[in-house]
Amino acid sequence: MNQCKMRESKSMCHHDDPIAGMPLAMAYVPWQTFHHTFETCKALQVGTIFPELCKPFCGKRGGC
């Protein structure tokens, strides 16, 4: 059996995969309302013109 067929048959075998029957993802996307925008320089620094979307990554859980 060639390598592609072997990989294909392994990926179809779910009897040893504990999460095989679970959905891939569930998303929650709230409606967003925008009130004002950042000035150009600030927007370039933080990566968005919308303050509501400014969510800096601090590398730890629970905020900066």
C-alpha atoms as a PDB file:
ATOM      1  CA  MET A   1       0.000   0.000   0.000  1.00  0.00           C
ATOM      2  CA  ASN A   2       1.423   3.418  -0.882  1.00  0.00           C
ATOM      3  CA  GLN A   3       2.068   6.105   1.772  1.00  0.00           C
ATOM      4  CA  CYS A   4      -0.932   8.283   0.789  1.00  0.00           C
ATOM      5  CA  LYS A   5      -3.360   5.399   1.151  1.00  0.00           C
ATOM      6  CA  MET A   6      -1.829   4.395   4.502  1.00  0.00           C
ATOM      7  CA  ARG A   7      -2.167   7.951   5.870  1.00  0.00           C
ATOM      8  CA  GLU A   8      -5.725   8.183   4.570  1.00  0.00           C
ATOM      9  CA  SER A   9      -6.765   4.932   6.223  1.00  0.00           C
ATOM     10  CA  LYS A  10      -5.144   5.950   9.540  1.00  0.00           C
ATOM     11  CA  SER A  11      -6.967   9.296   9.597  1.00  0.00           C
ATOM     12  CA  MET A  12     -10.288   7.535   9.038  1.00  0.00           C
ATOM     13  CA  CYS A  13      -9.750   5.197  12.011  1.00  0.00           C
ATOM     14  CA  HIS A  14     -11.400   6.905  14.994  1.00  0.00           C
ATOM     15  CA  HIS A  15     -11.677   4.061  17.494  1.00  0.00           C
ATOM     16  CA  ASP A  16      -8.637   5.232  19.457  1.00  0.00           C
ATOM     17  CA  ASP A  17      -9.379   8.987  19.264  1.00  0.00           C
ATOM     18  CA  PRO A  18     -11.221  10.174  22.415  1.00  0.00           C
ATOM     19  CA  ILE A  19     -12.460  13.396  20.784  1.00  0.00           C
ATOM     20  CA  ALA A  20     -13.435  11.973  17.386  1.00  0.00           C
ATOM     21  CA  GLY A  21     -17.176  12.634  17.791  1.00  0.00           C
ATOM     22  CA  MET A  22     -16.899  16.175  19.142  1.00  0.00           C
ATOM     23  CA  PRO A  23     -17.668  19.258  17.017  1.00  0.00           C
ATOM     24  CA  LEU A  24     -14.660  21.153  15.660  1.00  0.00           C
ATOM     25  CA  ALA A  25     -15.563  24.540  17.119  1.00  0.00           C
ATOM     26  CA  MET A  26     -18.326  26.629  18.593  1.00  0.00           C
ATOM     27  CA  ALA A  27     -18.148  30.394  18.141  1.00  0.00           C
ATOM     28  CA  TYR A  28     -19.694  33.289  19.990  1.00  0.00           C
ATOM     29  CA  VAL A  29     -19.499  36.616  18.196  1.00  0.00           C
ATOM     30  CA  PRO A  30     -21.344  39.494  19.872  1.00  0.00           C
ATOM     31  CA  TRP A  31     -22.662  42.466  17.946  1.00  0.00           C
ATOM     32  CA  GLN A  32     -20.154  45.265  18.088  1.00  0.00           C
ATOM     33  CA  THR A  33     -20.925  48.950  18.225  1.00  0.00           C
ATOM     34  CA  PHE A  34     -18.242  51.500  17.516  1.00  0.00           C
ATOM     35  CA  HIS A  35     -18.320  54.932  19.087  1.00  0.00           C
ATOM     36  CA  HIS A  36     -15.048  56.594  18.119  1.00  0.00           C
ATOM     37  CA  THR A  37     -11.689  55.720  16.576  1.00  0.00           C
ATOM     38  CA  PHE A  38      -8.067  56.127  17.588  1.00  0.00           C
ATOM     39  CA  GLU A  39      -5.927  58.863  16.103  1.00  0.00           C
ATOM     40  CA  THR A  40      -3.719  57.587  13.249  1.00  0.00           C
ATOM     41  CA  CYS A  41      -0.488  57.341  15.277  1.00  0.00           C
ATOM     42  CA  LYS A  42      -2.173  55.460  18.128  1.00  0.00           C
ATOM     43  CA  ALA A  43      -3.968  53.152  15.669  1.00  0.00           C
ATOM     44  CA  LEU A  44      -0.645  52.224  14.056  1.00  0.00           C
ATOM     45  CA  GLN A  45       0.867  51.508  17.480  1.00  0.00           C
ATOM     46  CA  VAL A  46      -1.918  49.188  18.662  1.00  0.00           C
ATOM     47  CA  GLY A  47      -2.926  47.638  15.322  1.00  0.00           C
ATOM     48  CA  THR A  48      -6.540  48.802  15.102  1.00  0.00           C
ATOM     49  CA  ILE A  49      -8.463  52.042  14.720  1.00  0.00           C
ATOM     50  CA  PHE A  50     -11.226  50.791  17.041  1.00  0.00           C
ATOM     51  CA  PRO A  51     -10.619  51.082  20.812  1.00  0.00           C
ATOM     52  CA  GLU A  52     -13.161  48.295  21.411  1.00  0.00           C
ATOM     53  CA  LEU A  53     -10.908  45.884  19.499  1.00  0.00           C
ATOM     54  CA  CYS A  54      -7.701  46.886  21.256  1.00  0.00           C
ATOM     55  CA  LYS A  55      -6.897  43.757  23.265  1.00  0.00           C
ATOM     56  CA  PRO A  56      -3.163  43.713  24.013  1.00  0.00           C
ATOM     57  CA  PHE A  57      -1.531  40.341  24.649  1.00  0.00           C
ATOM     58  CA  CYS A  58       0.477  40.405  27.855  1.00  0.00           C
ATOM     59  CA  GLY A  59       1.642  36.796  27.891  1.00  0.00           C
ATOM     60  CA  LYS A  60      -0.225  35.814  31.035  1.00  0.00           C
ATOM     61  CA  ARG A  61      -3.743  35.017  32.114  1.00  0.00           C
ATOM     62  CA  GLY A  62      -6.027  37.550  33.761  1.00  0.00           C
ATOM     63  CA  GLY A  63      -4.924  40.790  32.151  1.00  0.00           C
ATOM     64  CA  CYS A  64      -1.783  42.876  32.140  1.00  0.00           C
END
